[in-house]
Every structure is written in C-alpha cells, then in structure tokens.
C-alpha cells in the first residue's frame, strides 16, 4: 500500500540521527536545509560529519545510542546496519510517538525519506513507499531536468502577488492566470 506524503516543519526541532557513517551523512545533508537541530550519536563519524560538528551545524555525541537520547526528539533516523538496534529504537520511538526511520529497513520505519528536489521553498518528494529507492532517485532526476531554471523566481513572484491580495475567488483566478503565464505547459494551445 502506498504511503501518504506529508510535509512537516522541522525548523529548530531536535532530529536524532543514530549512526555516523556514509548513510547517516547523506541523511544529515538532506535534513540540514530544513533547519532542524540535529544531534548525531555514534562511536565514529565521517569526515563530513566531523566538519559539520566543528562548524556548529550539528551536535555530535561520540558514543553508543542510549534511550535518553530520544528525549525531546521530534524525529529519529537510524542509519546503522544493526537490525536489532533498528528494531529497539523503532519500538522505543513508537512508545513515545516519535516518527522513526530505520534506513533500508521499511519494517522498522514509521516514515520514509523521499527522493527530494529542493529549490528554495519548492520541495518535491518522490517515493516508491520504500520499495525501490533507486527508482525514486531516477524519477527525481527526470523531474529535475524538466523544471525551469528560474523556478525559484517564479515561486517568489507568485507568492508576493498572492500575499498582496485578499483571499477569495478573484485572488485564486489571478494567481492561476499568473502561474499559467509564467509557467506555461509546453503542449498548451496545440
């Protein structure tokens, strides 16, 4: 069954990442543009994670996971190969109502990471509901090639116009017309 997509504000919220390897690094890099307070717990870290820690962009805890690490977490990412640890953390998160992603183990996930396209405030998430991540990545690459280079400018122009008008049908029509003009479909009118 497909998973329902949802976009969540994680700015300034604690996101716990368990693991310090390449996969954890990729997940941290995906999360950073959204402004969370990232805490990474692991006995070892990649050079990139070490650098981000030194720059103050993330907090590193050089040790094994402890259940107290979940305190205050809004989201948890488990990026370790240890399935027993994935299951344990998932169950702890489930009891606390914390969304948990165990990388490459859909069974121990309450959410999955989509393949993301981020262009300013435009965010597109592509998912196969965890079944074939490589396909999500390829579809993302195809969609990225289709996006206009100035999509961020289009978004900003339309957003400013939208914010300057009162809510209602007139605004909806005006915004639709503006979007149609700034971002026409290639096969329109033909």
C-alpha atoms as a PDB file:
ATOM      1  CA  UNK A   1       0.000   0.000   0.000  1.00  0.00           C
ATOM      2  CA  UNK A   2       1.374   3.467  -0.833  1.00  0.00           C
ATOM      3  CA  UNK A   3       2.414   5.833   1.938  1.00  0.00           C
ATOM      4  CA  UNK A   4       0.666   9.182   2.344  1.00  0.00           C
ATOM      5  CA  UNK A   5       3.049  12.109   1.719  1.00  0.00           C
ATOM      6  CA  UNK A   6       3.199  14.810   4.367  1.00  0.00           C
ATOM      7  CA  UNK A   7       5.422  17.882   4.650  1.00  0.00           C
ATOM      8  CA  UNK A   8       6.447  18.805   8.193  1.00  0.00           C
ATOM      9  CA  UNK A   9       8.115  21.883   9.662  1.00  0.00           C
ATOM     10  CA  UNK A  10      11.240  20.652  11.470  1.00  0.00           C
ATOM     11  CA  UNK A  11      12.919  24.052  11.853  1.00  0.00           C
ATOM     12  CA  UNK A  12      14.629  24.256  15.261  1.00  0.00           C
ATOM     13  CA  UNK A  13      13.257  20.832  16.273  1.00  0.00           C
ATOM     14  CA  UNK A  14      15.552  18.114  17.555  1.00  0.00           C
ATOM     15  CA  UNK A  15      16.271  15.429  14.984  1.00  0.00           C
ATOM     16  CA  UNK A  16      18.271  12.494  16.313  1.00  0.00           C
ATOM     17  CA  UNK A  17      20.457  10.563  13.879  1.00  0.00           C
ATOM     18  CA  UNK A  18      21.889   7.292  15.171  1.00  0.00           C
ATOM     19  CA  UNK A  19      24.968   6.292  13.187  1.00  0.00           C
ATOM     20  CA  UNK A  20      27.944   8.190  11.871  1.00  0.00           C
ATOM     21  CA  UNK A  21      28.744   6.593   8.516  1.00  0.00           C
ATOM     22  CA  UNK A  22      28.101   7.476   4.861  1.00  0.00           C
ATOM     23  CA  UNK A  23      24.347   6.836   5.009  1.00  0.00           C
ATOM     24  CA  UNK A  24      23.966   8.925   8.173  1.00  0.00           C
ATOM     25  CA  UNK A  25      25.936  11.679   6.457  1.00  0.00           C
ATOM     26  CA  UNK A  26      23.569  11.617   3.452  1.00  0.00           C
ATOM     27  CA  UNK A  27      20.546  11.837   5.745  1.00  0.00           C
ATOM     28  CA  UNK A  28      22.068  14.736   7.701  1.00  0.00           C
ATOM     29  CA  UNK A  29      22.813  16.565   4.440  1.00  0.00           C
ATOM     30  CA  UNK A  30      19.186  16.042   3.330  1.00  0.00           C
ATOM     31  CA  UNK A  31      17.877  17.418   6.631  1.00  0.00           C
ATOM     32  CA  UNK A  32      20.140  20.474   7.015  1.00  0.00           C
ATOM     33  CA  UNK A  33      18.317  22.759   4.517  1.00  0.00           C
ATOM     34  CA  UNK A  34      15.171  22.443   6.638  1.00  0.00           C
ATOM     35  CA  UNK A  35      16.786  23.964   9.748  1.00  0.00           C
ATOM     36  CA  UNK A  36      16.451  21.288  12.425  1.00  0.00           C
ATOM     37  CA  UNK A  37      18.662  20.961  15.473  1.00  0.00           C
ATOM     38  CA  UNK A  38      20.494  17.759  14.513  1.00  0.00           C
ATOM     39  CA  UNK A  39      22.123  15.509  17.095  1.00  0.00           C
ATOM     40  CA  UNK A  40      24.187  12.601  15.781  1.00  0.00           C
ATOM     41  CA  UNK A  41      25.163   9.790  18.133  1.00  0.00           C
ATOM     42  CA  UNK A  42      27.809   7.250  17.106  1.00  0.00           C
ATOM     43  CA  UNK A  43      31.172   5.925  18.269  1.00  0.00           C
ATOM     44  CA  UNK A  44      32.697   7.128  14.942  1.00  0.00           C
ATOM     45  CA  UNK A  45      31.864   9.819  12.361  1.00  0.00           C
ATOM     46  CA  UNK A  46      32.700  10.535   8.738  1.00  0.00           C
ATOM     47  CA  UNK A  47      34.949  13.500   7.994  1.00  0.00           C
ATOM     48  CA  UNK A  48      31.922  15.439   6.712  1.00  0.00           C
ATOM     49  CA  UNK A  49      30.029  14.913   9.967  1.00  0.00           C
ATOM     50  CA  UNK A  50      33.143  15.880  11.945  1.00  0.00           C
ATOM     51  CA  UNK A  51      33.394  19.086   9.876  1.00  0.00           C
ATOM     52  CA  UNK A  52      29.712  19.919  10.381  1.00  0.00           C
ATOM     53  CA  UNK A  53      30.169  19.349  14.112  1.00  0.00           C
ATOM     54  CA  UNK A  54      33.217  21.645  14.213  1.00  0.00           C
ATOM     55  CA  UNK A  55      31.238  24.306  12.308  1.00  0.00           C
ATOM     56  CA  UNK A  56      28.446  24.073  14.889  1.00  0.00           C
ATOM     57  CA  UNK A  57      25.867  22.974  12.322  1.00  0.00           C
ATOM     58  CA  UNK A  58      25.185  19.692  14.127  1.00  0.00           C
ATOM     59  CA  UNK A  59      25.923  18.258  17.568  1.00  0.00           C
ATOM     60  CA  UNK A  60      27.990  15.073  17.780  1.00  0.00           C
ATOM     61  CA  UNK A  61      27.810  12.599  20.670  1.00  0.00           C
ATOM     62  CA  UNK A  62      30.745  10.184  20.362  1.00  0.00           C
ATOM     63  CA  UNK A  63      29.282   7.088  21.992  1.00  0.00           C
ATOM     64  CA  UNK A  64      26.695   4.361  21.513  1.00  0.00           C
ATOM     65  CA  UNK A  65      22.963   5.128  21.472  1.00  0.00           C
ATOM     66  CA  UNK A  66      21.210   5.419  24.843  1.00  0.00           C
ATOM     67  CA  UNK A  67      17.431   5.608  25.261  1.00  0.00           C
ATOM     68  CA  UNK A  68      17.791   9.031  26.919  1.00  0.00           C
ATOM     69  CA  UNK A  69      18.952  10.349  23.510  1.00  0.00           C
ATOM     70  CA  UNK A  70      15.291  10.267  22.444  1.00  0.00           C
ATOM     71  CA  UNK A  71      14.327  12.957  24.973  1.00  0.00           C
ATOM     72  CA  UNK A  72      12.941  15.973  23.121  1.00  0.00           C
ATOM     73  CA  UNK A  73      13.351  14.399  19.678  1.00  0.00           C
ATOM     74  CA  UNK A  74      10.740  15.218  17.053  1.00  0.00           C
ATOM     75  CA  UNK A  75      12.187  12.800  14.505  1.00  0.00           C
ATOM     76  CA  UNK A  76      14.648   9.904  14.613  1.00  0.00           C
ATOM     77  CA  UNK A  77      16.788   8.457  11.828  1.00  0.00           C
ATOM     78  CA  UNK A  78      18.553   5.164  12.488  1.00  0.00           C
ATOM     79  CA  UNK A  79      21.408   4.777   9.992  1.00  0.00           C
ATOM     80  CA  UNK A  80      23.129   1.630  11.237  1.00  0.00           C
ATOM     81  CA  UNK A  81      23.371  -1.908   9.844  1.00  0.00           C
ATOM     82  CA  UNK A  82      22.441  -3.474  13.195  1.00  0.00           C
ATOM     83  CA  UNK A  83      18.826  -4.672  12.681  1.00  0.00           C
ATOM     84  CA  UNK A  84      18.387  -5.428  16.399  1.00  0.00           C
ATOM     85  CA  UNK A  85      19.305  -1.831  17.234  1.00  0.00           C
ATOM     86  CA  UNK A  86      16.979  -0.554  14.482  1.00  0.00           C
ATOM     87  CA  UNK A  87      14.114  -2.593  15.923  1.00  0.00           C
ATOM     88  CA  UNK A  88      14.884  -1.495  19.502  1.00  0.00           C
ATOM     89  CA  UNK A  89      14.985   2.206  18.609  1.00  0.00           C
ATOM     90  CA  UNK A  90      11.854   1.903  16.454  1.00  0.00           C
ATOM     91  CA  UNK A  91       9.937   0.336  19.346  1.00  0.00           C
ATOM     92  CA  UNK A  92      11.163   2.997  21.781  1.00  0.00           C
ATOM     93  CA  UNK A  93      10.067   5.705  19.316  1.00  0.00           C
ATOM     94  CA  UNK A  94       6.715   4.019  18.762  1.00  0.00           C
ATOM     95  CA  UNK A  95       6.021   4.091  22.525  1.00  0.00           C
ATOM     96  CA  UNK A  96       6.906   7.802  22.652  1.00  0.00           C
ATOM     97  CA  UNK A  97       5.054   8.786  19.467  1.00  0.00           C
ATOM     98  CA  UNK A  98       8.251   9.861  17.692  1.00  0.00           C
ATOM     99  CA  UNK A  99       8.420   9.261  13.924  1.00  0.00           C
ATOM    100  CA  UNK A 100      11.323   6.891  13.179  1.00  0.00           C
ATOM    101  CA  UNK A 101      13.147   5.951  10.003  1.00  0.00           C
ATOM    102  CA  UNK A 102      15.443   2.929  10.030  1.00  0.00           C
ATOM    103  CA  UNK A 103      17.426   3.297   6.849  1.00  0.00           C
ATOM    104  CA  UNK A 104      16.908   0.413   4.428  1.00  0.00           C
ATOM    105  CA  UNK A 105      14.543  -1.418   6.839  1.00  0.00           C
ATOM    106  CA  UNK A 106      10.953  -0.370   5.999  1.00  0.00           C
ATOM    107  CA  UNK A 107       9.645  -2.755   8.648  1.00  0.00           C
ATOM    108  CA  UNK A 108      11.208  -0.544  11.351  1.00  0.00           C
ATOM    109  CA  UNK A 109      10.022   2.773   9.899  1.00  0.00           C
ATOM    110  CA  UNK A 110       7.026   4.942  10.638  1.00  0.00           C
ATOM    111  CA  UNK A 111       8.133   7.259   7.813  1.00  0.00           C
ATOM    112  CA  UNK A 112      10.495   7.090   4.867  1.00  0.00           C
ATOM    113  CA  UNK A 113      12.739   9.639   3.216  1.00  0.00           C
ATOM    114  CA  UNK A 114      11.523  10.534  -0.247  1.00  0.00           C
ATOM    115  CA  UNK A 115      13.914  11.411  -3.010  1.00  0.00           C
ATOM    116  CA  UNK A 116      13.918  15.212  -2.741  1.00  0.00           C
ATOM    117  CA  UNK A 117      14.094  18.150  -5.091  1.00  0.00           C
ATOM    118  CA  UNK A 118      14.579  21.399  -3.162  1.00  0.00           C
ATOM    119  CA  UNK A 119      14.542  24.751  -4.949  1.00  0.00           C
ATOM    120  CA  UNK A 120      14.025  27.427  -2.315  1.00  0.00           C
ATOM    121  CA  UNK A 121      10.527  26.907  -0.923  1.00  0.00           C
ATOM    122  CA  UNK A 122       9.594  24.486  -3.694  1.00  0.00           C
ATOM    123  CA  UNK A 123      10.014  20.957  -2.362  1.00  0.00           C
ATOM    124  CA  UNK A 124       9.115  17.875  -4.372  1.00  0.00           C
ATOM    125  CA  UNK A 125       9.225  14.472  -2.709  1.00  0.00           C
ATOM    126  CA  UNK A 126       9.216  11.283  -4.785  1.00  0.00           C
ATOM    127  CA  UNK A 127       8.624   7.889  -3.235  1.00  0.00           C
ATOM    128  CA  UNK A 128       8.022   4.252  -4.092  1.00  0.00           C
ATOM    129  CA  UNK A 129       6.800   3.802  -0.492  1.00  0.00           C
ATOM    130  CA  UNK A 130      10.181   2.326   0.383  1.00  0.00           C
ATOM    131  CA  UNK A 131      10.002  -0.483  -2.167  1.00  0.00           C
ATOM    132  CA  UNK A 132      12.533   0.674  -4.801  1.00  0.00           C
ATOM    133  CA  UNK A 133      14.550   3.747  -3.718  1.00  0.00           C
ATOM    134  CA  UNK A 134      16.661   3.571  -6.902  1.00  0.00           C
ATOM    135  CA  UNK A 135      13.508   4.166  -8.954  1.00  0.00           C
ATOM    136  CA  UNK A 136      12.586   7.177  -6.801  1.00  0.00           C
ATOM    137  CA  UNK A 137      16.047   8.596  -7.451  1.00  0.00           C
ATOM    138  CA  UNK A 138      15.742   8.107 -11.221  1.00  0.00           C
ATOM    139  CA  UNK A 139      12.287   9.724 -11.344  1.00  0.00           C
ATOM    140  CA  UNK A 140      13.719  12.632  -9.326  1.00  0.00           C
ATOM    141  CA  UNK A 141      16.472  13.073 -11.912  1.00  0.00           C
ATOM    142  CA  UNK A 142      13.893  13.122 -14.720  1.00  0.00           C
ATOM    143  CA  UNK A 143      11.698  15.681 -12.915  1.00  0.00           C
ATOM    144  CA  UNK A 144      14.721  17.875 -12.110  1.00  0.00           C
ATOM    145  CA  UNK A 145      15.575  18.105 -15.809  1.00  0.00           C
ATOM    146  CA  UNK A 146      12.001  19.278 -16.531  1.00  0.00           C
ATOM    147  CA  UNK A 147      11.997  22.128 -14.010  1.00  0.00           C
ATOM    148  CA  UNK A 148      12.711  25.605 -15.368  1.00  0.00           C
ATOM    149  CA  UNK A 149      15.997  27.133 -14.194  1.00  0.00           C
ATOM    150  CA  UNK A 150      14.117  30.133 -12.791  1.00  0.00           C
ATOM    151  CA  UNK A 151      11.520  28.157 -10.824  1.00  0.00           C
ATOM    152  CA  UNK A 152      12.553  29.866  -7.559  1.00  0.00           C
ATOM    153  CA  UNK A 153      11.985  33.289  -9.148  1.00  0.00           C
ATOM    154  CA  UNK A 154       8.561  32.158 -10.431  1.00  0.00           C
ATOM    155  CA  UNK A 155       7.622  30.970  -6.942  1.00  0.00           C
ATOM    156  CA  UNK A 156       8.737  34.246  -5.365  1.00  0.00           C
ATOM    157  CA  UNK A 157       6.889  36.390  -7.933  1.00  0.00           C
ATOM    158  CA  UNK A 158       3.645  34.477  -7.490  1.00  0.00           C
ATOM    159  CA  UNK A 159       3.968  34.373  -3.692  1.00  0.00           C
ATOM    160  CA  UNK A 160       4.439  38.152  -3.475  1.00  0.00           C
ATOM    161  CA  UNK A 161       1.404  38.720  -5.708  1.00  0.00           C
ATOM    162  CA  UNK A 162      -0.679  36.234  -3.706  1.00  0.00           C
ATOM    163  CA  UNK A 163       0.237  37.826  -0.383  1.00  0.00           C
ATOM    164  CA  UNK A 164      -0.750  41.273  -1.666  1.00  0.00           C
ATOM    165  CA  UNK A 165      -4.345  40.252  -2.429  1.00  0.00           C
ATOM    166  CA  UNK A 166      -7.319  39.472  -0.223  1.00  0.00           C
ATOM    167  CA  UNK A 167      -8.434  35.864  -0.056  1.00  0.00           C
ATOM    168  CA  UNK A 168     -11.217  34.774  -2.344  1.00  0.00           C
ATOM    169  CA  UNK A 169     -12.123  33.692  -5.870  1.00  0.00           C
ATOM    170  CA  UNK A 170     -10.618  36.791  -7.502  1.00  0.00           C
ATOM    171  CA  UNK A 171      -7.236  36.028  -5.932  1.00  0.00           C
ATOM    172  CA  UNK A 172      -7.471  32.363  -6.943  1.00  0.00           C
ATOM    173  CA  UNK A 173      -8.189  33.291 -10.591  1.00  0.00           C
ATOM    174  CA  UNK A 174      -5.430  35.934 -10.657  1.00  0.00           C
ATOM    175  CA  UNK A 175      -2.858  33.538  -9.209  1.00  0.00           C
ATOM    176  CA  UNK A 176      -3.846  30.740 -11.579  1.00  0.00           C
ATOM    177  CA  UNK A 177      -3.552  33.133 -14.568  1.00  0.00           C
ATOM    178  CA  UNK A 178      -0.158  34.356 -13.341  1.00  0.00           C
ATOM    179  CA  UNK A 179       1.135  30.790 -12.875  1.00  0.00           C
ATOM    180  CA  UNK A 180      -0.179  29.827 -16.339  1.00  0.00           C
ATOM    181  CA  UNK A 181       1.618  32.832 -17.870  1.00  0.00           C
ATOM    182  CA  UNK A 182       4.922  32.380 -16.008  1.00  0.00           C
ATOM    183  CA  UNK A 183       4.996  28.595 -16.251  1.00  0.00           C
ATOM    184  CA  UNK A 184       3.090  27.502 -19.368  1.00  0.00           C
ATOM    185  CA  UNK A 185       2.698  23.833 -20.180  1.00  0.00           C
ATOM    186  CA  UNK A 186       4.778  23.003 -23.248  1.00  0.00           C
ATOM    187  CA  UNK A 187       1.852  21.483 -25.139  1.00  0.00           C
ATOM    188  CA  UNK A 188      -0.685  24.228 -24.293  1.00  0.00           C
ATOM    189  CA  UNK A 189      -2.646  25.546 -27.226  1.00  0.00           C
ATOM    190  CA  UNK A 190      -1.531  22.798 -29.569  1.00  0.00           C
END
